[in-house]
Amino acid sequence: MARHSSELGRAPEVDASLTLRPLDLSNLSGSFPRAEKVKGTLSGALSVSGPAKALRYRQERVRVLRAAL
């Protein structure tokens, strides 16, 4: 995660990047009791920027590989 903020006392500005490292979806199988098999990999990235009162979100990438429920 990279982040930057400015004007914290007046009008806060945000500039942040979040990255989801590859996540093995089988680790989540206990969260989905009706799913018999959960497999695959999920990864992604998101950027957030702008004034705190009006943030802008930008999906940079989302990848789901060999997924099955």
PDB file of N, CA and C in Angstrom:
ATOM      1  N   MET A   1       0.840  -1.151   0.000  1.00  0.00           N
ATOM      2  CA  MET A   1       0.000   0.000   0.000  1.00  0.00           C
ATOM      3  C   MET A   1       0.896   1.228   0.000  1.00  0.00           C
ATOM      4  N   ALA A   2       0.627   2.142  -0.908  1.00  0.00           N
ATOM      5  CA  ALA A   2       1.311   3.429  -0.931  1.00  0.00           C
ATOM      6  C   ALA A   2       0.275   4.493  -0.645  1.00  0.00           C
ATOM      7  N   ARG A   3       0.680   5.517   0.084  1.00  0.00           N
ATOM      8  CA  ARG A   3      -0.309   6.536   0.392  1.00  0.00           C
ATOM      9  C   ARG A   3       0.358   7.883   0.571  1.00  0.00           C
ATOM     10  N   HIS A   4      -0.442   8.919   0.382  1.00  0.00           N
ATOM     11  CA  HIS A   4       0.003  10.282   0.596  1.00  0.00           C
ATOM     12  C   HIS A   4      -1.226  11.096   0.950  1.00  0.00           C
ATOM     13  N   SER A   5      -1.096  11.971   1.901  1.00  0.00           N
ATOM     14  CA  SER A   5      -2.191  12.872   2.234  1.00  0.00           C
ATOM     15  C   SER A   5      -1.608  14.252   2.486  1.00  0.00           C
ATOM     16  N   SER A   6      -2.406  15.266   2.216  1.00  0.00           N
ATOM     17  CA  SER A   6      -1.953  16.632   2.427  1.00  0.00           C
ATOM     18  C   SER A   6      -3.106  17.476   2.945  1.00  0.00           C
ATOM     19  N   GLU A   7      -2.796  18.652   3.421  1.00  0.00           N
ATOM     20  CA  GLU A   7      -3.813  19.575   3.933  1.00  0.00           C
ATOM     21  C   GLU A   7      -4.686  18.925   5.004  1.00  0.00           C
ATOM     22  N   LEU A   8      -4.085  18.176   5.914  1.00  0.00           N
ATOM     23  CA  LEU A   8      -4.861  17.438   6.904  1.00  0.00           C
ATOM     24  C   LEU A   8      -5.709  18.331   7.794  1.00  0.00           C
ATOM     25  N   GLY A   9      -5.291  19.545   8.035  1.00  0.00           N
ATOM     26  CA  GLY A   9      -6.042  20.415   8.925  1.00  0.00           C
ATOM     27  C   GLY A   9      -7.189  21.137   8.249  1.00  0.00           C
ATOM     28  N   ARG A  10      -7.176  21.292   6.931  1.00  0.00           N
ATOM     29  CA  ARG A  10      -8.175  22.099   6.232  1.00  0.00           C
ATOM     30  C   ARG A  10      -9.050  21.248   5.324  1.00  0.00           C
ATOM     31  N   ALA A  11      -8.540  20.941   4.179  1.00  0.00           N
ATOM     32  CA  ALA A  11      -9.284  20.150   3.192  1.00  0.00           C
ATOM     33  C   ALA A  11      -8.406  18.958   2.810  1.00  0.00           C
ATOM     34  N   PRO A  12      -8.507  17.847   3.529  1.00  0.00           N
ATOM     35  CA  PRO A  12      -7.603  16.712   3.294  1.00  0.00           C
ATOM     36  C   PRO A  12      -7.674  16.172   1.862  1.00  0.00           C
ATOM     37  N   GLU A  13      -6.514  15.911   1.302  1.00  0.00           N
ATOM     38  CA  GLU A  13      -6.387  15.290  -0.019  1.00  0.00           C
ATOM     39  C   GLU A  13      -5.771  13.907   0.178  1.00  0.00           C
ATOM     40  N   VAL A  14      -6.273  12.939  -0.552  1.00  0.00           N
ATOM     41  CA  VAL A  14      -5.807  11.553  -0.432  1.00  0.00           C
ATOM     42  C   VAL A  14      -5.243  11.087  -1.767  1.00  0.00           C
ATOM     43  N   ASP A  15      -4.181  10.340  -1.717  1.00  0.00           N
ATOM     44  CA  ASP A  15      -3.608   9.697  -2.897  1.00  0.00           C
ATOM     45  C   ASP A  15      -3.080   8.343  -2.415  1.00  0.00           C
ATOM     46  N   ALA A  16      -3.843   7.264  -2.640  1.00  0.00           N
ATOM     47  CA  ALA A  16      -3.466   5.944  -2.118  1.00  0.00           C
ATOM     48  C   ALA A  16      -3.595   4.877  -3.187  1.00  0.00           C
ATOM     49  N   SER A  17      -2.740   3.893  -3.122  1.00  0.00           N
ATOM     50  CA  SER A  17      -2.794   2.725  -4.008  1.00  0.00           C
ATOM     51  C   SER A  17      -2.822   1.477  -3.139  1.00  0.00           C
ATOM     52  N   LEU A  18      -3.776   0.606  -3.396  1.00  0.00           N
ATOM     53  CA  LEU A  18      -3.912  -0.647  -2.655  1.00  0.00           C
ATOM     54  C   LEU A  18      -3.713  -1.808  -3.624  1.00  0.00           C
ATOM     55  N   THR A  19      -2.941  -2.788  -3.207  1.00  0.00           N
ATOM     56  CA  THR A  19      -2.686  -3.962  -4.040  1.00  0.00           C
ATOM     57  C   THR A  19      -3.062  -5.221  -3.272  1.00  0.00           C
ATOM     58  N   LEU A  20      -3.888  -6.043  -3.885  1.00  0.00           N
ATOM     59  CA  LEU A  20      -4.245  -7.345  -3.315  1.00  0.00           C
ATOM     60  C   LEU A  20      -3.302  -8.373  -3.927  1.00  0.00           C
ATOM     61  N   ARG A  21      -2.424  -8.900  -3.096  1.00  0.00           N
ATOM     62  CA  ARG A  21      -1.517  -9.943  -3.579  1.00  0.00           C
ATOM     63  C   ARG A  21      -2.339 -11.172  -3.932  1.00  0.00           C
ATOM     64  N   PRO A  22      -1.848 -12.022  -4.804  1.00  0.00           N
ATOM     65  CA  PRO A  22      -2.626 -13.212  -5.183  1.00  0.00           C
ATOM     66  C   PRO A  22      -3.120 -13.972  -3.949  1.00  0.00           C
ATOM     67  N   LEU A  23      -4.417 -14.216  -3.921  1.00  0.00           N
ATOM     68  CA  LEU A  23      -5.082 -14.887  -2.808  1.00  0.00           C
ATOM     69  C   LEU A  23      -5.648 -16.211  -3.310  1.00  0.00           C
ATOM     70  N   ASP A  24      -5.264 -17.292  -2.687  1.00  0.00           N
ATOM     71  CA  ASP A  24      -5.787 -18.611  -3.026  1.00  0.00           C
ATOM     72  C   ASP A  24      -7.210 -18.709  -2.492  1.00  0.00           C
ATOM     73  N   LEU A  25      -8.179 -18.773  -3.380  1.00  0.00           N
ATOM     74  CA  LEU A  25      -9.581 -18.765  -2.983  1.00  0.00           C
ATOM     75  C   LEU A  25      -9.977 -19.994  -2.161  1.00  0.00           C
ATOM     76  N   SER A  26      -9.223 -21.071  -2.243  1.00  0.00           N
ATOM     77  CA  SER A  26      -9.558 -22.257  -1.447  1.00  0.00           C
ATOM     78  C   SER A  26      -9.456 -21.957   0.052  1.00  0.00           C
ATOM     79  N   ASN A  27      -8.675 -20.931   0.416  1.00  0.00           N
ATOM     80  CA  ASN A  27      -8.576 -20.533   1.823  1.00  0.00           C
ATOM     81  C   ASN A  27      -9.889 -19.957   2.343  1.00  0.00           C
ATOM     82  N   LEU A  28     -10.786 -19.572   1.439  1.00  0.00           N
ATOM     83  CA  LEU A  28     -12.065 -18.988   1.829  1.00  0.00           C
ATOM     84  C   LEU A  28     -13.195 -20.008   1.839  1.00  0.00           C
ATOM     85  N   SER A  29     -12.915 -21.267   1.561  1.00  0.00           N
ATOM     86  CA  SER A  29     -13.977 -22.273   1.426  1.00  0.00           C
ATOM     87  C   SER A  29     -14.837 -22.378   2.687  1.00  0.00           C
ATOM     88  N   GLY A  30     -14.287 -22.154   3.855  1.00  0.00           N
ATOM     89  CA  GLY A  30     -15.066 -22.204   5.084  1.00  0.00           C
ATOM     90  C   GLY A  30     -16.060 -21.059   5.192  1.00  0.00           C
ATOM     91  N   SER A  31     -15.849 -19.999   4.417  1.00  0.00           N
ATOM     92  CA  SER A  31     -16.744 -18.842   4.431  1.00  0.00           C
ATOM     93  C   SER A  31     -17.987 -19.055   3.570  1.00  0.00           C
ATOM     94  N   PHE A  32     -17.971 -20.074   2.739  1.00  0.00           N
ATOM     95  CA  PHE A  32     -19.084 -20.366   1.845  1.00  0.00           C
ATOM     96  C   PHE A  32     -19.564 -21.788   2.099  1.00  0.00           C
ATOM     97  N   PRO A  33     -20.384 -21.996   3.124  1.00  0.00           N
ATOM     98  CA  PRO A  33     -20.759 -23.356   3.518  1.00  0.00           C
ATOM     99  C   PRO A  33     -21.482 -24.149   2.423  1.00  0.00           C
ATOM    100  N   ARG A  34     -22.162 -23.507   1.514  1.00  0.00           N
ATOM    101  CA  ARG A  34     -22.884 -24.230   0.461  1.00  0.00           C
ATOM    102  C   ARG A  34     -22.002 -24.576  -0.736  1.00  0.00           C
ATOM    103  N   ALA A  35     -20.846 -23.966  -0.815  1.00  0.00           N
ATOM    104  CA  ALA A  35     -19.938 -24.246  -1.930  1.00  0.00           C
ATOM    105  C   ALA A  35     -19.118 -25.492  -1.602  1.00  0.00           C
ATOM    106  N   GLU A  36     -19.219 -26.487  -2.461  1.00  0.00           N
ATOM    107  CA  GLU A  36     -18.473 -27.724  -2.232  1.00  0.00           C
ATOM    108  C   GLU A  36     -16.994 -27.545  -2.540  1.00  0.00           C
ATOM    109  N   LYS A  37     -16.709 -26.817  -3.605  1.00  0.00           N
ATOM    110  CA  LYS A  37     -15.319 -26.572  -3.987  1.00  0.00           C
ATOM    111  C   LYS A  37     -15.157 -25.088  -4.280  1.00  0.00           C
ATOM    112  N   VAL A  38     -14.173 -24.512  -3.694  1.00  0.00           N
ATOM    113  CA  VAL A  38     -13.802 -23.131  -3.999  1.00  0.00           C
ATOM    114  C   VAL A  38     -12.333 -23.189  -4.375  1.00  0.00           C
ATOM    115  N   LYS A  39     -12.017 -22.755  -5.594  1.00  0.00           N
ATOM    116  CA  LYS A  39     -10.617 -22.783  -6.003  1.00  0.00           C
ATOM    117  C   LYS A  39     -10.350 -21.645  -6.976  1.00  0.00           C
ATOM    118  N   GLY A  40      -9.094 -21.345  -7.161  1.00  0.00           N
ATOM    119  CA  GLY A  40      -8.665 -20.278  -8.045  1.00  0.00           C
ATOM    120  C   GLY A  40      -7.840 -19.258  -7.290  1.00  0.00           C
ATOM    121  N   THR A  41      -7.480 -18.203  -7.984  1.00  0.00           N
ATOM    122  CA  THR A  41      -6.655 -17.153  -7.418  1.00  0.00           C
ATOM    123  C   THR A  41      -7.256 -15.793  -7.764  1.00  0.00           C
ATOM    124  N   LEU A  42      -7.259 -14.888  -6.799  1.00  0.00           N
ATOM    125  CA  LEU A  42      -7.763 -13.527  -6.983  1.00  0.00           C
ATOM    126  C   LEU A  42      -6.646 -12.552  -6.680  1.00  0.00           C
ATOM    127  N   SER A  43      -6.476 -11.541  -7.523  1.00  0.00           N
ATOM    128  CA  SER A  43      -5.518 -10.468  -7.259  1.00  0.00           C
ATOM    129  C   SER A  43      -6.082  -9.186  -7.851  1.00  0.00           C
ATOM    130  N   GLY A  44      -5.530  -8.052  -7.434  1.00  0.00           N
ATOM    131  CA  GLY A  44      -6.033  -6.799  -7.970  1.00  0.00           C
ATOM    132  C   GLY A  44      -5.323  -5.589  -7.415  1.00  0.00           C
ATOM    133  N   ALA A  45      -5.740  -4.420  -7.909  1.00  0.00           N
ATOM    134  CA  ALA A  45      -5.171  -3.150  -7.464  1.00  0.00           C
ATOM    135  C   ALA A  45      -6.237  -2.074  -7.568  1.00  0.00           C
ATOM    136  N   LEU A  46      -6.181  -1.114  -6.662  1.00  0.00           N
ATOM    137  CA  LEU A  46      -7.153  -0.036  -6.588  1.00  0.00           C
ATOM    138  C   LEU A  46      -6.433   1.242  -6.217  1.00  0.00           C
ATOM    139  N   SER A  47      -6.803   2.348  -6.857  1.00  0.00           N
ATOM    140  CA  SER A  47      -6.271   3.661  -6.512  1.00  0.00           C
ATOM    141  C   SER A  47      -7.401   4.522  -5.980  1.00  0.00           C
ATOM    142  N   VAL A  48      -7.099   5.300  -4.948  1.00  0.00           N
ATOM    143  CA  VAL A  48      -8.057   6.229  -4.347  1.00  0.00           C
ATOM    144  C   VAL A  48      -7.375   7.590  -4.306  1.00  0.00           C
ATOM    145  N   SER A  49      -8.053   8.619  -4.793  1.00  0.00           N
ATOM    146  CA  SER A  49      -7.449   9.951  -4.789  1.00  0.00           C
ATOM    147  C   SER A  49      -8.516  11.025  -4.691  1.00  0.00           C
ATOM    148  N   GLY A  50      -8.069  12.231  -4.373  1.00  0.00           N
ATOM    149  CA  GLY A  50      -8.948  13.381  -4.336  1.00  0.00           C
ATOM    150  C   GLY A  50      -9.207  13.876  -2.931  1.00  0.00           C
ATOM    151  N   PRO A  51     -10.087  14.883  -2.834  1.00  0.00           N
ATOM    152  CA  PRO A  51     -10.430  15.415  -1.518  1.00  0.00           C
ATOM    153  C   PRO A  51     -11.226  14.391  -0.719  1.00  0.00           C
ATOM    154  N   ALA A  52     -11.058  14.406   0.596  1.00  0.00           N
ATOM    155  CA  ALA A  52     -11.717  13.413   1.451  1.00  0.00           C
ATOM    156  C   ALA A  52     -13.235  13.429   1.282  1.00  0.00           C
ATOM    157  N   LYS A  53     -13.809  14.577   0.956  1.00  0.00           N
ATOM    158  CA  LYS A  53     -15.265  14.678   0.788  1.00  0.00           C
ATOM    159  C   LYS A  53     -15.752  14.138  -0.547  1.00  0.00           C
ATOM    160  N   ALA A  54     -14.849  13.918  -1.502  1.00  0.00           N
ATOM    161  CA  ALA A  54     -15.244  13.453  -2.837  1.00  0.00           C
ATOM    162  C   ALA A  54     -14.165  12.553  -3.428  1.00  0.00           C
ATOM    163  N   LEU A  55     -13.906  11.430  -2.772  1.00  0.00           N
ATOM    164  CA  LEU A  55     -12.847  10.518  -3.228  1.00  0.00           C
ATOM    165  C   LEU A  55     -13.185   9.926  -4.587  1.00  0.00           C
ATOM    166  N   ARG A  56     -12.146   9.697  -5.381  1.00  0.00           N
ATOM    167  CA  ARG A  56     -12.281   9.028  -6.674  1.00  0.00           C
ATOM    168  C   ARG A  56     -11.588   7.673  -6.569  1.00  0.00           C
ATOM    169  N   TYR A  57     -12.268   6.631  -7.016  1.00  0.00           N
ATOM    170  CA  TYR A  57     -11.744   5.271  -6.980  1.00  0.00           C
ATOM    171  C   TYR A  57     -11.460   4.829  -8.405  1.00  0.00           C
ATOM    172  N   ARG A  58     -10.345   4.168  -8.612  1.00  0.00           N
ATOM    173  CA  ARG A  58     -10.021   3.640  -9.932  1.00  0.00           C
ATOM    174  C   ARG A  58      -9.512   2.217  -9.778  1.00  0.00           C
ATOM    175  N   GLN A  59     -10.226   1.304 -10.387  1.00  0.00           N
ATOM    176  CA  GLN A  59      -9.805  -0.104 -10.389  1.00  0.00           C
ATOM    177  C   GLN A  59      -8.712  -0.224 -11.439  1.00  0.00           C
ATOM    178  N   GLU A  60      -7.536  -0.574 -11.007  1.00  0.00           N
ATOM    179  CA  GLU A  60      -6.432  -0.700 -11.946  1.00  0.00           C
ATOM    180  C   GLU A  60      -6.412  -2.082 -12.594  1.00  0.00           C
ATOM    181  N   ARG A  61      -6.737  -3.085 -11.800  1.00  0.00           N
ATOM    182  CA  ARG A  61      -6.812  -4.436 -12.377  1.00  0.00           C
ATOM    183  C   ARG A  61      -7.424  -5.385 -11.353  1.00  0.00           C
ATOM    184  N   VAL A  62      -8.132  -6.338 -11.840  1.00  0.00           N
ATOM    185  CA  VAL A  62      -8.631  -7.441 -11.030  1.00  0.00           C
ATOM    186  C   VAL A  62      -8.457  -8.692 -11.878  1.00  0.00           C
ATOM    187  N   ARG A  63      -7.847  -9.701 -11.294  1.00  0.00           N
ATOM    188  CA  ARG A  63      -7.635 -10.949 -12.028  1.00  0.00           C
ATOM    189  C   ARG A  63      -8.160 -12.102 -11.198  1.00  0.00           C
ATOM    190  N   VAL A  64      -8.921 -12.948 -11.852  1.00  0.00           N
ATOM    191  CA  VAL A  64      -9.375 -14.185 -11.239  1.00  0.00           C
ATOM    192  C   VAL A  64      -8.916 -15.300 -12.167  1.00  0.00           C
ATOM    193  N   LEU A  65      -8.079 -16.183 -11.647  1.00  0.00           N
ATOM    194  CA  LEU A  65      -7.511 -17.248 -12.459  1.00  0.00           C
ATOM    195  C   LEU A  65      -8.026 -18.613 -12.003  1.00  0.00           C
ATOM    196  N   ARG A  66      -8.424 -19.431 -12.929  1.00  0.00           N
ATOM    197  CA  ARG A  66      -8.842 -20.820 -12.666  1.00  0.00           C
ATOM    198  C   ARG A  66      -9.829 -20.904 -11.505  1.00  0.00           C
ATOM    199  N   ALA A  67     -10.816 -20.032 -11.507  1.00  0.00           N
ATOM    200  CA  ALA A  67     -11.776 -20.000 -10.401  1.00  0.00           C
ATOM    201  C   ALA A  67     -12.928 -20.965 -10.627  1.00  0.00           C
ATOM    202  N   ALA A  68     -13.433 -21.528  -9.539  1.00  0.00           N
ATOM    203  CA  ALA A  68     -14.597 -22.408  -9.569  1.00  0.00           C
ATOM    204  C   ALA A  68     -15.250 -22.369  -8.197  1.00  0.00           C
ATOM    205  N   LEU A  69     -16.561 -22.376  -8.204  1.00  0.00           N
ATOM    206  CA  LEU A  69     -17.330 -22.480  -6.954  1.00  0.00           C
ATOM    207  C   LEU A  69     -18.173 -23.717  -7.005  1.00  0.00           C
TER     208      LEU A  69
END
